[in-house]
């Protein structure tokens, strides 16, 4: 964006009178859609000592990214950093050490809230769909009184007629459930393509959804 070209290697960038030569361009970083963090796609990476020369005292450290040699030592490393900085800052707790697993807890909370919200919408949709099927079948019965009369005249019982309409209602629910499952897979695919989220659909959920639709 700065140089109007994809690979501006060798170009010069001036920051506060100090010239910097572009040595490389990172591939696009993929920030977490629901997580917390900075967007490194908007960042310029400069050696710390060179930045001090260019910015002088006007370059305070705002954030430091640390990666442990062993992920199992993340908690111990975070405690060590907190203790070291507190000692260097005369005992003041003026920093926050945030671990990746704490970010995951926040993200999980957002996902749980989103799941509850979607479940509430699904419950309302289920109620509305059930009422819609009921109305359709009531209209179907009222419009087919001649057919019902003819069937009863040739010996059909109320039980047989009731089974016929229940079978039709089950078919309506079943077809609606199949359409819903297909749409779910389409939306799942679109989310995977357009975002870095990877929602999954498990077969038990599909079976339960179809079963509920048929039972309605």
N, C-alpha and C. Protein backbone atom coordinates (compact mmCIF):
# COMPACT_ATOMS: atom_id res chain seq x y z
N UNK A 1 0.82 -1.21 0.00
CA UNK A 1 0.00 0.00 0.00
C UNK A 1 0.86 1.26 0.00
N UNK A 2 2.00 1.20 0.66
CA UNK A 2 2.86 2.38 0.73
C UNK A 2 3.57 2.63 -0.60
N UNK A 3 3.97 1.58 -1.29
CA UNK A 3 4.78 1.72 -2.49
C UNK A 3 4.01 1.38 -3.77
N UNK A 4 2.71 1.01 -3.63
CA UNK A 4 1.88 0.68 -4.78
C UNK A 4 2.44 -0.48 -5.59
N UNK A 5 3.05 -1.45 -4.92
CA UNK A 5 3.51 -2.66 -5.58
C UNK A 5 3.54 -3.79 -4.56
N UNK A 6 3.52 -5.02 -5.07
CA UNK A 6 3.39 -6.17 -4.18
C UNK A 6 4.67 -6.49 -3.43
N UNK A 7 5.83 -6.36 -4.10
CA UNK A 7 7.10 -6.73 -3.46
C UNK A 7 8.07 -5.56 -3.59
N UNK A 8 7.97 -4.58 -2.69
CA UNK A 8 8.82 -3.38 -2.79
C UNK A 8 10.19 -3.57 -2.15
N UNK A 9 10.80 -4.74 -2.34
CA UNK A 9 12.11 -5.00 -1.75
C UNK A 9 13.14 -4.05 -2.37
N UNK A 10 13.95 -3.42 -1.50
CA UNK A 10 14.95 -2.47 -1.97
C UNK A 10 14.47 -1.04 -1.97
N UNK A 11 13.17 -0.82 -1.82
CA UNK A 11 12.65 0.54 -1.75
C UNK A 11 13.03 1.16 -0.40
N UNK A 12 13.02 2.48 -0.36
CA UNK A 12 13.43 3.20 0.84
C UNK A 12 12.22 3.85 1.50
N UNK A 13 12.14 3.72 2.82
CA UNK A 13 11.07 4.31 3.62
C UNK A 13 11.71 5.24 4.64
N UNK A 14 11.23 6.47 4.71
CA UNK A 14 11.79 7.46 5.63
C UNK A 14 10.87 7.64 6.83
N UNK A 15 11.41 7.44 8.02
CA UNK A 15 10.67 7.62 9.27
C UNK A 15 11.45 8.59 10.14
N UNK A 16 10.88 9.80 10.33
CA UNK A 16 11.49 10.83 11.15
C UNK A 16 12.93 11.12 10.74
N UNK A 17 13.12 11.25 9.45
CA UNK A 17 14.43 11.61 8.93
C UNK A 17 15.39 10.46 8.79
N UNK A 18 15.01 9.26 9.24
CA UNK A 18 15.88 8.09 9.16
C UNK A 18 15.39 7.20 8.01
N UNK A 19 16.33 6.86 7.10
CA UNK A 19 15.97 6.03 5.96
C UNK A 19 16.06 4.55 6.32
N UNK A 20 15.02 3.80 5.93
CA UNK A 20 14.98 2.35 6.13
C UNK A 20 14.77 1.68 4.78
N UNK A 21 15.53 0.62 4.53
CA UNK A 21 15.42 -0.12 3.28
C UNK A 21 14.55 -1.35 3.51
N UNK A 22 13.58 -1.55 2.63
CA UNK A 22 12.69 -2.71 2.74
C UNK A 22 13.47 -3.97 2.36
N UNK A 23 13.58 -4.89 3.31
CA UNK A 23 14.32 -6.13 3.08
C UNK A 23 13.41 -7.31 2.77
N UNK A 24 12.14 -7.16 3.01
CA UNK A 24 11.23 -8.27 2.74
C UNK A 24 9.81 -7.91 3.09
N UNK A 25 8.88 -8.73 2.64
CA UNK A 25 7.46 -8.54 2.93
C UNK A 25 6.90 -9.86 3.44
N UNK A 26 6.23 -9.81 4.58
CA UNK A 26 5.63 -11.03 5.15
C UNK A 26 4.43 -11.46 4.33
N UNK A 27 4.15 -12.76 4.39
CA UNK A 27 2.86 -13.21 3.89
C UNK A 27 1.76 -12.65 4.79
N UNK A 28 0.54 -12.62 4.28
CA UNK A 28 -0.57 -12.03 5.04
C UNK A 28 -0.80 -12.79 6.33
N UNK A 29 -0.84 -12.06 7.44
CA UNK A 29 -1.19 -12.66 8.73
C UNK A 29 -2.70 -12.85 8.79
N UNK A 30 -3.12 -13.93 9.42
CA UNK A 30 -4.54 -14.21 9.56
C UNK A 30 -4.95 -14.03 11.01
N UNK A 31 -5.45 -12.85 11.36
CA UNK A 31 -5.86 -12.63 12.76
C UNK A 31 -7.08 -13.46 13.10
N UNK A 32 -7.19 -13.81 14.38
CA UNK A 32 -8.34 -14.58 14.86
C UNK A 32 -9.61 -13.75 14.71
N UNK A 33 -10.64 -14.35 14.12
CA UNK A 33 -11.88 -13.61 13.87
C UNK A 33 -12.56 -13.19 15.17
N UNK A 34 -12.58 -14.08 16.17
CA UNK A 34 -13.26 -13.79 17.42
C UNK A 34 -12.28 -13.56 18.56
N UNK A 35 -11.01 -13.65 18.30
CA UNK A 35 -10.03 -13.51 19.36
C UNK A 35 -9.54 -12.08 19.51
N UNK A 36 -8.75 -11.86 20.55
CA UNK A 36 -8.17 -10.57 20.80
C UNK A 36 -6.75 -10.55 20.28
N UNK A 37 -6.28 -9.39 19.86
CA UNK A 37 -4.92 -9.29 19.37
C UNK A 37 -4.78 -8.14 18.42
N UNK A 38 -3.54 -7.90 18.01
CA UNK A 38 -3.25 -6.81 17.09
C UNK A 38 -3.21 -7.34 15.67
N UNK A 39 -3.47 -6.46 14.72
CA UNK A 39 -3.44 -6.84 13.31
C UNK A 39 -2.03 -6.56 12.78
N UNK A 40 -1.23 -7.60 12.64
CA UNK A 40 0.15 -7.43 12.20
C UNK A 40 0.24 -7.07 10.72
N UNK A 41 -0.89 -7.15 9.99
CA UNK A 41 -0.87 -6.73 8.59
C UNK A 41 -0.68 -5.22 8.45
N UNK A 42 -0.94 -4.48 9.54
CA UNK A 42 -0.77 -3.02 9.51
C UNK A 42 0.54 -2.60 10.18
N UNK A 43 1.46 -3.54 10.35
CA UNK A 43 2.68 -3.25 11.10
C UNK A 43 3.90 -3.19 10.19
N UNK A 44 4.88 -2.38 10.60
CA UNK A 44 6.20 -2.34 9.96
C UNK A 44 7.20 -2.85 10.99
N UNK A 45 8.01 -3.84 10.61
CA UNK A 45 8.97 -4.44 11.53
C UNK A 45 10.34 -3.79 11.33
N UNK A 46 10.84 -3.17 12.41
CA UNK A 46 12.11 -2.44 12.38
C UNK A 46 12.96 -2.91 13.55
N UNK A 47 14.26 -3.09 13.36
CA UNK A 47 15.12 -3.45 14.50
C UNK A 47 14.99 -2.43 15.62
N UNK A 48 14.96 -2.92 16.85
CA UNK A 48 14.72 -2.05 18.00
C UNK A 48 15.76 -0.94 18.13
N UNK A 49 17.04 -1.29 17.95
CA UNK A 49 18.09 -0.29 18.09
C UNK A 49 17.97 0.80 17.03
N UNK A 50 17.60 0.40 15.80
CA UNK A 50 17.43 1.39 14.73
C UNK A 50 16.25 2.30 15.01
N UNK A 51 15.19 1.75 15.59
CA UNK A 51 14.02 2.55 15.90
C UNK A 51 14.34 3.59 16.98
N UNK A 52 15.19 3.20 17.96
CA UNK A 52 15.57 4.15 19.00
C UNK A 52 16.30 5.34 18.41
N UNK A 53 17.12 5.09 17.40
CA UNK A 53 17.84 6.19 16.75
C UNK A 53 16.86 7.12 16.03
N UNK A 54 15.88 6.54 15.39
CA UNK A 54 14.94 7.35 14.61
C UNK A 54 13.94 8.08 15.49
N UNK A 55 13.44 7.41 16.54
CA UNK A 55 12.37 7.98 17.35
C UNK A 55 12.86 8.61 18.64
N UNK A 56 14.08 8.28 19.06
CA UNK A 56 14.59 8.84 20.30
C UNK A 56 13.78 8.36 21.48
N UNK A 57 13.48 9.28 22.39
CA UNK A 57 12.73 8.94 23.60
C UNK A 57 11.24 8.79 23.34
N UNK A 58 10.80 9.06 22.10
CA UNK A 58 9.36 9.02 21.79
C UNK A 58 8.91 7.65 21.31
N UNK A 59 9.64 6.60 21.67
CA UNK A 59 9.28 5.25 21.23
C UNK A 59 9.11 4.33 22.43
N UNK A 60 8.05 4.53 23.22
CA UNK A 60 7.85 3.66 24.39
C UNK A 60 7.45 2.25 23.96
N UNK A 61 7.78 1.29 24.78
CA UNK A 61 7.40 -0.09 24.51
C UNK A 61 5.95 -0.29 24.95
N UNK A 62 5.10 -0.61 24.02
CA UNK A 62 3.67 -0.80 24.31
C UNK A 62 3.34 -2.27 24.49
N UNK A 63 3.95 -3.12 23.67
CA UNK A 63 3.65 -4.54 23.72
C UNK A 63 4.87 -5.35 23.31
N UNK A 64 5.10 -6.44 23.99
CA UNK A 64 6.18 -7.35 23.66
C UNK A 64 5.58 -8.73 23.45
N UNK A 65 5.89 -9.35 22.31
CA UNK A 65 5.41 -10.69 22.01
C UNK A 65 6.51 -11.68 22.38
N UNK A 66 6.18 -12.68 23.18
CA UNK A 66 7.15 -13.64 23.67
C UNK A 66 6.68 -15.05 23.33
N UNK A 67 7.62 -15.88 22.84
CA UNK A 67 7.29 -17.27 22.54
C UNK A 67 8.23 -18.18 23.32
N UNK A 68 7.71 -19.05 24.16
CA UNK A 68 8.57 -19.94 24.95
C UNK A 68 9.16 -21.04 24.08
N UNK A 69 10.33 -21.55 24.50
CA UNK A 69 10.92 -22.67 23.78
C UNK A 69 10.05 -23.92 23.88
N UNK A 70 9.41 -24.07 25.04
CA UNK A 70 8.53 -25.22 25.27
C UNK A 70 7.15 -24.71 25.68
N UNK A 71 6.10 -25.01 24.91
CA UNK A 71 4.76 -24.52 25.26
C UNK A 71 4.32 -24.91 26.66
N UNK A 72 4.86 -25.99 27.20
CA UNK A 72 4.48 -26.43 28.55
C UNK A 72 4.96 -25.46 29.62
N UNK A 73 5.95 -24.63 29.27
CA UNK A 73 6.51 -23.69 30.24
C UNK A 73 5.90 -22.29 30.12
N UNK A 74 4.78 -22.18 29.41
CA UNK A 74 4.20 -20.86 29.18
C UNK A 74 3.82 -20.16 30.48
N UNK A 75 3.18 -20.90 31.38
CA UNK A 75 2.74 -20.29 32.64
C UNK A 75 3.93 -19.84 33.48
N UNK A 76 4.96 -20.69 33.57
CA UNK A 76 6.15 -20.32 34.34
C UNK A 76 6.85 -19.11 33.72
N UNK A 77 6.89 -19.09 32.40
CA UNK A 77 7.53 -17.96 31.73
C UNK A 77 6.76 -16.67 32.00
N UNK A 78 5.43 -16.73 31.97
CA UNK A 78 4.62 -15.54 32.24
C UNK A 78 4.86 -15.03 33.65
N UNK A 79 4.96 -15.94 34.62
CA UNK A 79 5.24 -15.53 36.00
C UNK A 79 6.63 -14.91 36.12
N UNK A 80 7.60 -15.48 35.40
CA UNK A 80 8.97 -14.94 35.45
C UNK A 80 9.02 -13.54 34.86
N UNK A 81 8.31 -13.33 33.75
CA UNK A 81 8.28 -12.00 33.13
C UNK A 81 7.64 -10.99 34.08
N UNK A 82 6.53 -11.37 34.70
CA UNK A 82 5.86 -10.46 35.63
C UNK A 82 6.80 -10.08 36.78
N UNK A 83 7.50 -11.06 37.34
CA UNK A 83 8.40 -10.79 38.46
C UNK A 83 9.56 -9.91 38.03
N UNK A 84 10.13 -10.19 36.85
CA UNK A 84 11.29 -9.43 36.38
C UNK A 84 10.93 -7.97 36.12
N UNK A 85 9.79 -7.76 35.47
CA UNK A 85 9.39 -6.39 35.16
C UNK A 85 9.00 -5.64 36.43
N UNK A 86 8.32 -6.31 37.36
CA UNK A 86 7.96 -5.67 38.62
C UNK A 86 9.23 -5.23 39.37
N UNK A 87 10.23 -6.07 39.36
CA UNK A 87 11.49 -5.71 40.04
C UNK A 87 12.17 -4.54 39.34
N UNK A 88 12.13 -4.53 37.99
CA UNK A 88 12.77 -3.44 37.25
C UNK A 88 12.00 -2.13 37.38
N UNK A 89 10.70 -2.22 37.69
CA UNK A 89 9.85 -1.02 37.81
C UNK A 89 9.59 -0.66 39.27
N UNK A 90 10.53 -0.99 40.14
CA UNK A 90 10.44 -0.62 41.57
C UNK A 90 9.18 -1.16 42.23
N UNK A 91 8.80 -2.38 41.88
CA UNK A 91 7.68 -3.03 42.54
C UNK A 91 6.31 -2.66 42.02
N UNK A 92 6.22 -1.84 40.98
CA UNK A 92 4.91 -1.43 40.44
C UNK A 92 4.37 -2.50 39.49
N UNK A 93 3.09 -2.79 39.62
CA UNK A 93 2.43 -3.73 38.71
C UNK A 93 1.80 -2.93 37.56
N UNK A 94 2.64 -2.45 36.65
CA UNK A 94 2.15 -1.57 35.60
C UNK A 94 2.15 -2.26 34.23
N UNK A 95 2.16 -3.59 34.22
CA UNK A 95 2.05 -4.32 32.96
C UNK A 95 1.03 -5.44 33.13
N UNK A 96 0.58 -5.97 32.01
CA UNK A 96 -0.31 -7.13 32.01
C UNK A 96 0.29 -8.20 31.12
N UNK A 97 0.45 -9.38 31.66
CA UNK A 97 0.95 -10.52 30.89
C UNK A 97 -0.25 -11.38 30.52
N UNK A 98 -0.50 -11.47 29.23
CA UNK A 98 -1.67 -12.20 28.74
C UNK A 98 -1.21 -13.42 27.96
N UNK A 99 -1.63 -14.61 28.42
CA UNK A 99 -1.24 -15.85 27.75
C UNK A 99 -2.26 -16.20 26.67
N UNK A 100 -1.80 -17.02 25.72
CA UNK A 100 -2.67 -17.40 24.62
C UNK A 100 -3.88 -18.20 25.10
N UNK A 101 -3.68 -19.04 26.13
CA UNK A 101 -4.82 -19.82 26.61
C UNK A 101 -5.88 -18.93 27.24
N UNK A 102 -5.47 -17.78 27.79
CA UNK A 102 -6.45 -16.83 28.33
C UNK A 102 -7.24 -16.19 27.19
N UNK A 103 -6.57 -15.95 26.06
CA UNK A 103 -7.30 -15.47 24.88
C UNK A 103 -8.32 -16.50 24.43
N UNK A 104 -7.94 -17.78 24.50
CA UNK A 104 -8.85 -18.84 24.09
C UNK A 104 -10.08 -18.90 24.99
N UNK A 105 -9.89 -18.61 26.28
CA UNK A 105 -11.03 -18.60 27.21
C UNK A 105 -12.02 -17.51 26.81
N UNK A 106 -11.50 -16.33 26.46
CA UNK A 106 -12.36 -15.23 26.03
C UNK A 106 -13.10 -15.61 24.75
N UNK A 107 -12.34 -16.19 23.80
CA UNK A 107 -12.95 -16.59 22.53
C UNK A 107 -14.02 -17.65 22.75
N UNK A 108 -13.73 -18.60 23.66
CA UNK A 108 -14.71 -19.66 23.95
C UNK A 108 -15.98 -19.07 24.56
N UNK A 109 -15.82 -18.05 25.40
CA UNK A 109 -17.00 -17.40 25.97
C UNK A 109 -17.85 -16.73 24.91
N UNK A 110 -17.18 -16.09 23.93
CA UNK A 110 -17.92 -15.47 22.83
C UNK A 110 -18.66 -16.53 22.02
N UNK A 111 -17.98 -17.65 21.75
CA UNK A 111 -18.60 -18.72 20.97
C UNK A 111 -19.78 -19.33 21.72
N UNK A 112 -19.64 -19.49 23.04
CA UNK A 112 -20.75 -20.04 23.83
C UNK A 112 -21.96 -19.11 23.79
N UNK A 113 -21.71 -17.81 23.90
CA UNK A 113 -22.82 -16.85 23.81
C UNK A 113 -23.47 -16.90 22.43
N UNK A 114 -22.62 -16.99 21.39
CA UNK A 114 -23.15 -17.06 20.03
C UNK A 114 -23.97 -18.34 19.83
N UNK A 115 -23.47 -19.45 20.40
CA UNK A 115 -24.20 -20.71 20.30
C UNK A 115 -25.56 -20.63 20.98
N UNK A 116 -25.60 -20.01 22.17
CA UNK A 116 -26.87 -19.84 22.87
C UNK A 116 -27.85 -18.98 22.09
N UNK A 117 -27.32 -17.92 21.47
CA UNK A 117 -28.17 -17.02 20.68
C UNK A 117 -28.76 -17.77 19.48
N UNK A 118 -27.90 -18.56 18.79
CA UNK A 118 -28.37 -19.31 17.63
C UNK A 118 -29.39 -20.37 18.06
N UNK A 119 -29.15 -21.00 19.23
CA UNK A 119 -30.10 -22.00 19.72
C UNK A 119 -31.46 -21.37 20.00
N UNK A 120 -31.46 -20.14 20.55
CA UNK A 120 -32.72 -19.44 20.81
C UNK A 120 -33.46 -19.15 19.50
N UNK A 121 -32.70 -18.71 18.49
CA UNK A 121 -33.31 -18.47 17.18
C UNK A 121 -33.89 -19.76 16.61
N UNK A 122 -33.13 -20.87 16.76
CA UNK A 122 -33.61 -22.16 16.26
C UNK A 122 -34.89 -22.59 16.97
N UNK A 123 -34.98 -22.33 18.29
CA UNK A 123 -36.18 -22.70 19.03
C UNK A 123 -37.39 -21.92 18.53
N UNK A 124 -37.19 -20.61 18.29
CA UNK A 124 -38.29 -19.80 17.76
C UNK A 124 -38.69 -20.30 16.37
N UNK A 125 -37.67 -20.61 15.54
CA UNK A 125 -37.96 -21.10 14.19
C UNK A 125 -38.72 -22.42 14.25
N UNK A 126 -38.36 -23.27 15.21
CA UNK A 126 -39.05 -24.56 15.37
C UNK A 126 -40.51 -24.35 15.73
N UNK A 127 -40.77 -23.41 16.64
CA UNK A 127 -42.14 -23.11 17.04
C UNK A 127 -42.94 -22.56 15.87
N UNK A 128 -42.35 -21.59 15.16
CA UNK A 128 -43.04 -20.99 14.01
C UNK A 128 -43.27 -22.03 12.93
N UNK A 129 -42.25 -22.89 12.69
CA UNK A 129 -42.42 -23.93 11.68
C UNK A 129 -43.51 -24.91 12.05
N UNK A 130 -43.58 -25.30 13.34
CA UNK A 130 -44.63 -26.22 13.78
C UNK A 130 -46.02 -25.63 13.60
N UNK A 131 -46.15 -24.35 13.95
CA UNK A 131 -47.45 -23.68 13.76
C UNK A 131 -47.79 -23.61 12.28
N UNK A 132 -46.76 -23.35 11.45
CA UNK A 132 -47.01 -23.28 10.00
C UNK A 132 -47.49 -24.60 9.44
N UNK A 133 -46.86 -25.70 9.88
CA UNK A 133 -47.29 -27.02 9.41
C UNK A 133 -48.71 -27.31 9.89
N UNK A 134 -49.00 -26.95 11.14
CA UNK A 134 -50.35 -27.17 11.67
C UNK A 134 -51.40 -26.43 10.83
N UNK A 135 -51.11 -25.18 10.51
CA UNK A 135 -52.06 -24.39 9.72
C UNK A 135 -52.26 -24.99 8.32
N UNK A 136 -51.12 -25.43 7.73
CA UNK A 136 -51.22 -26.04 6.39
C UNK A 136 -52.10 -27.28 6.43
N UNK A 137 -51.93 -28.12 7.44
CA UNK A 137 -52.72 -29.35 7.53
C UNK A 137 -54.19 -29.05 7.84
N UNK A 138 -54.44 -28.02 8.67
CA UNK A 138 -55.83 -27.64 8.93
C UNK A 138 -56.52 -27.18 7.64
N UNK A 139 -55.81 -26.36 6.85
CA UNK A 139 -56.36 -25.91 5.57
C UNK A 139 -56.55 -27.10 4.64
N UNK A 140 -55.57 -28.03 4.66
CA UNK A 140 -55.67 -29.21 3.80
C UNK A 140 -56.91 -30.05 4.13
N UNK A 141 -57.18 -30.19 5.43
CA UNK A 141 -58.36 -30.96 5.85
C UNK A 141 -59.64 -30.26 5.41
N UNK A 142 -59.67 -28.94 5.63
CA UNK A 142 -60.90 -28.20 5.30
C UNK A 142 -61.16 -28.17 3.80
N UNK A 143 -60.09 -28.19 3.00
CA UNK A 143 -60.28 -28.14 1.55
C UNK A 143 -60.53 -29.51 0.94
N UNK A 144 -60.37 -30.57 1.73
CA UNK A 144 -60.52 -31.91 1.18
C UNK A 144 -61.66 -32.67 1.88
N UNK A 145 -62.67 -31.91 2.29
CA UNK A 145 -63.80 -32.57 2.95
C UNK A 145 -64.54 -33.51 2.00
N UNK A 146 -64.59 -33.16 0.71
CA UNK A 146 -65.25 -34.06 -0.26
C UNK A 146 -64.48 -35.38 -0.36
N UNK A 147 -63.14 -35.29 -0.43
CA UNK A 147 -62.32 -36.51 -0.50
C UNK A 147 -62.50 -37.36 0.76
N UNK A 148 -62.54 -36.67 1.91
CA UNK A 148 -62.73 -37.40 3.17
C UNK A 148 -64.09 -38.09 3.19
N UNK A 149 -65.11 -37.36 2.72
CA UNK A 149 -66.46 -37.95 2.68
C UNK A 149 -66.53 -39.16 1.77
N UNK A 150 -65.90 -39.08 0.60
CA UNK A 150 -65.92 -40.20 -0.34
C UNK A 150 -65.21 -41.41 0.27
N UNK A 151 -64.03 -41.15 0.93
CA UNK A 151 -63.28 -42.25 1.54
C UNK A 151 -64.10 -42.92 2.65
N UNK A 152 -64.78 -42.11 3.44
CA UNK A 152 -65.60 -42.69 4.51
C UNK A 152 -66.78 -43.46 3.92
N UNK A 153 -67.30 -42.96 2.77
CA UNK A 153 -68.44 -43.63 2.13
C UNK A 153 -68.06 -45.02 1.63
N UNK A 154 -66.77 -45.18 1.24
CA UNK A 154 -66.35 -46.49 0.72
C UNK A 154 -65.74 -47.35 1.81
N UNK A 155 -65.83 -46.89 3.09
CA UNK A 155 -65.44 -47.75 4.20
C UNK A 155 -64.21 -47.34 4.97
N UNK A 156 -63.60 -46.19 4.66
CA UNK A 156 -62.41 -45.77 5.42
C UNK A 156 -62.81 -45.33 6.82
N UNK A 157 -62.00 -45.67 7.79
CA UNK A 157 -62.29 -45.28 9.17
C UNK A 157 -61.62 -43.95 9.49
N UNK A 158 -62.06 -43.33 10.60
CA UNK A 158 -61.42 -42.08 11.03
C UNK A 158 -59.93 -42.27 11.28
N UNK A 159 -59.56 -43.41 11.84
CA UNK A 159 -58.16 -43.70 12.13
C UNK A 159 -57.33 -43.72 10.85
N UNK A 160 -57.84 -44.35 9.81
CA UNK A 160 -57.12 -44.41 8.55
C UNK A 160 -56.94 -43.02 7.94
N UNK A 161 -58.00 -42.23 8.00
CA UNK A 161 -57.92 -40.87 7.44
C UNK A 161 -56.93 -40.02 8.24
N UNK A 162 -56.99 -40.17 9.56
CA UNK A 162 -56.05 -39.42 10.41
C UNK A 162 -54.60 -39.82 10.10
N UNK A 163 -54.36 -41.10 9.89
CA UNK A 163 -53.02 -41.56 9.55
C UNK A 163 -52.55 -40.96 8.22
N UNK A 164 -53.47 -40.83 7.27
CA UNK A 164 -53.11 -40.25 5.98
C UNK A 164 -52.61 -38.81 6.16
N UNK A 165 -53.35 -38.02 6.92
CA UNK A 165 -52.94 -36.61 7.09
C UNK A 165 -51.67 -36.50 7.95
N UNK A 166 -51.53 -37.40 8.93
CA UNK A 166 -50.30 -37.38 9.73
C UNK A 166 -49.09 -37.74 8.85
N UNK A 167 -49.28 -38.70 7.93
CA UNK A 167 -48.19 -39.09 7.03
C UNK A 167 -47.80 -37.91 6.14
N UNK A 168 -48.79 -37.16 5.67
CA UNK A 168 -48.49 -35.99 4.85
C UNK A 168 -47.74 -34.93 5.67
N UNK A 169 -48.15 -34.74 6.91
CA UNK A 169 -47.48 -33.76 7.77
C UNK A 169 -46.02 -34.18 8.04
N UNK A 170 -45.82 -35.49 8.25
CA UNK A 170 -44.45 -36.00 8.47
C UNK A 170 -43.59 -35.74 7.23
N UNK A 171 -44.15 -35.97 6.05
CA UNK A 171 -43.39 -35.74 4.82
C UNK A 171 -43.01 -34.27 4.67
N UNK A 172 -43.96 -33.38 5.01
CA UNK A 172 -43.64 -31.94 4.93
C UNK A 172 -42.49 -31.61 5.88
N UNK A 173 -42.56 -32.11 7.11
CA UNK A 173 -41.51 -31.86 8.09
C UNK A 173 -40.19 -32.47 7.65
N UNK A 174 -40.24 -33.68 7.10
CA UNK A 174 -39.03 -34.37 6.68
C UNK A 174 -38.33 -33.61 5.55
N UNK A 175 -39.10 -33.22 4.55
CA UNK A 175 -38.51 -32.46 3.44
C UNK A 175 -37.94 -31.14 3.93
N UNK A 176 -38.67 -30.47 4.83
CA UNK A 176 -38.15 -29.22 5.40
C UNK A 176 -36.86 -29.44 6.17
N UNK A 177 -36.79 -30.57 6.92
CA UNK A 177 -35.57 -30.88 7.66
C UNK A 177 -34.39 -31.13 6.73
N UNK A 178 -34.62 -31.87 5.63
CA UNK A 178 -33.55 -32.14 4.67
C UNK A 178 -33.06 -30.83 4.06
N UNK A 179 -33.98 -29.96 3.69
CA UNK A 179 -33.58 -28.66 3.13
C UNK A 179 -32.76 -27.87 4.15
N UNK A 180 -33.17 -27.91 5.42
CA UNK A 180 -32.42 -27.21 6.47
C UNK A 180 -31.00 -27.74 6.62
N UNK A 181 -30.84 -29.08 6.56
CA UNK A 181 -29.50 -29.68 6.68
C UNK A 181 -28.63 -29.27 5.49
N UNK A 182 -29.20 -29.29 4.30
CA UNK A 182 -28.44 -28.88 3.11
C UNK A 182 -28.00 -27.43 3.22
N UNK A 183 -28.92 -26.55 3.65
CA UNK A 183 -28.57 -25.14 3.82
C UNK A 183 -27.49 -24.96 4.88
N UNK A 184 -27.54 -25.79 5.94
CA UNK A 184 -26.52 -25.70 6.99
C UNK A 184 -25.14 -26.01 6.41
N UNK A 185 -25.05 -27.03 5.57
CA UNK A 185 -23.76 -27.38 4.96
C UNK A 185 -23.29 -26.27 4.01
N UNK A 186 -24.23 -25.66 3.30
CA UNK A 186 -23.86 -24.56 2.39
C UNK A 186 -23.31 -23.38 3.18
N UNK A 187 -24.00 -23.01 4.28
CA UNK A 187 -23.53 -21.89 5.11
C UNK A 187 -22.19 -22.24 5.75
N UNK A 188 -22.04 -23.50 6.19
CA UNK A 188 -20.78 -23.95 6.76
C UNK A 188 -19.65 -23.77 5.76
N UNK A 189 -19.88 -24.16 4.52
CA UNK A 189 -18.86 -24.02 3.48
C UNK A 189 -18.52 -22.55 3.23
N UNK A 190 -19.54 -21.69 3.20
CA UNK A 190 -19.30 -20.27 2.95
C UNK A 190 -18.49 -19.64 4.08
N UNK A 191 -18.78 -20.04 5.33
CA UNK A 191 -18.01 -19.51 6.47
C UNK A 191 -16.56 -19.95 6.37
N UNK A 192 -16.32 -21.21 6.00
CA UNK A 192 -14.95 -21.70 5.87
C UNK A 192 -14.18 -20.97 4.78
N UNK A 193 -14.88 -20.62 3.69
CA UNK A 193 -14.22 -19.97 2.55
C UNK A 193 -13.94 -18.50 2.83
N UNK A 194 -14.88 -17.82 3.48
CA UNK A 194 -14.77 -16.37 3.64
C UNK A 194 -14.11 -15.93 4.95
N UNK A 195 -13.97 -16.84 5.94
CA UNK A 195 -13.34 -16.48 7.21
C UNK A 195 -12.31 -17.56 7.57
N UNK A 196 -11.61 -17.32 8.68
CA UNK A 196 -10.67 -18.33 9.17
C UNK A 196 -11.29 -19.23 10.23
N UNK A 197 -12.61 -19.16 10.37
CA UNK A 197 -13.33 -20.07 11.25
C UNK A 197 -13.59 -21.39 10.53
N UNK A 198 -13.63 -22.49 11.28
CA UNK A 198 -13.89 -23.80 10.69
C UNK A 198 -14.97 -24.52 11.49
N UNK A 199 -16.21 -24.08 11.36
CA UNK A 199 -17.30 -24.77 12.07
C UNK A 199 -17.47 -26.19 11.55
N UNK A 200 -17.89 -27.07 12.43
CA UNK A 200 -18.09 -28.47 12.05
C UNK A 200 -19.54 -28.85 12.30
N UNK A 201 -20.02 -29.78 11.48
CA UNK A 201 -21.36 -30.34 11.64
C UNK A 201 -21.21 -31.83 11.86
N UNK A 202 -21.65 -32.32 13.02
CA UNK A 202 -21.51 -33.74 13.34
C UNK A 202 -22.79 -34.48 13.00
N UNK A 203 -22.64 -35.76 12.66
CA UNK A 203 -23.81 -36.55 12.26
C UNK A 203 -24.84 -36.70 13.38
N UNK A 204 -24.42 -36.85 14.65
CA UNK A 204 -25.45 -36.89 15.70
C UNK A 204 -26.34 -35.66 15.71
N UNK A 205 -25.74 -34.49 15.46
CA UNK A 205 -26.54 -33.25 15.42
C UNK A 205 -27.51 -33.29 14.25
N UNK A 206 -27.03 -33.79 13.11
CA UNK A 206 -27.90 -33.87 11.93
C UNK A 206 -29.07 -34.81 12.19
N UNK A 207 -28.77 -35.95 12.81
CA UNK A 207 -29.84 -36.93 13.10
C UNK A 207 -30.84 -36.35 14.09
N UNK A 208 -30.35 -35.67 15.13
CA UNK A 208 -31.25 -35.07 16.11
C UNK A 208 -32.14 -34.00 15.45
N UNK A 209 -31.51 -33.15 14.61
CA UNK A 209 -32.27 -32.09 13.93
C UNK A 209 -33.36 -32.69 13.04
N UNK A 210 -33.00 -33.70 12.26
CA UNK A 210 -33.99 -34.34 11.39
C UNK A 210 -35.08 -35.02 12.22
N UNK A 211 -34.69 -35.67 13.33
CA UNK A 211 -35.66 -36.33 14.19
C UNK A 211 -36.65 -35.35 14.79
N UNK A 212 -36.15 -34.20 15.24
CA UNK A 212 -37.03 -33.19 15.81
C UNK A 212 -37.99 -32.66 14.74
N UNK A 213 -37.44 -32.44 13.52
CA UNK A 213 -38.31 -31.95 12.43
C UNK A 213 -39.43 -32.94 12.13
N UNK A 214 -39.09 -34.23 12.08
CA UNK A 214 -40.11 -35.24 11.78
C UNK A 214 -41.14 -35.33 12.91
N UNK A 215 -40.66 -35.26 14.16
CA UNK A 215 -41.58 -35.36 15.30
C UNK A 215 -42.53 -34.17 15.37
N UNK A 216 -42.08 -33.01 14.88
CA UNK A 216 -42.96 -31.84 14.83
C UNK A 216 -44.16 -32.13 13.93
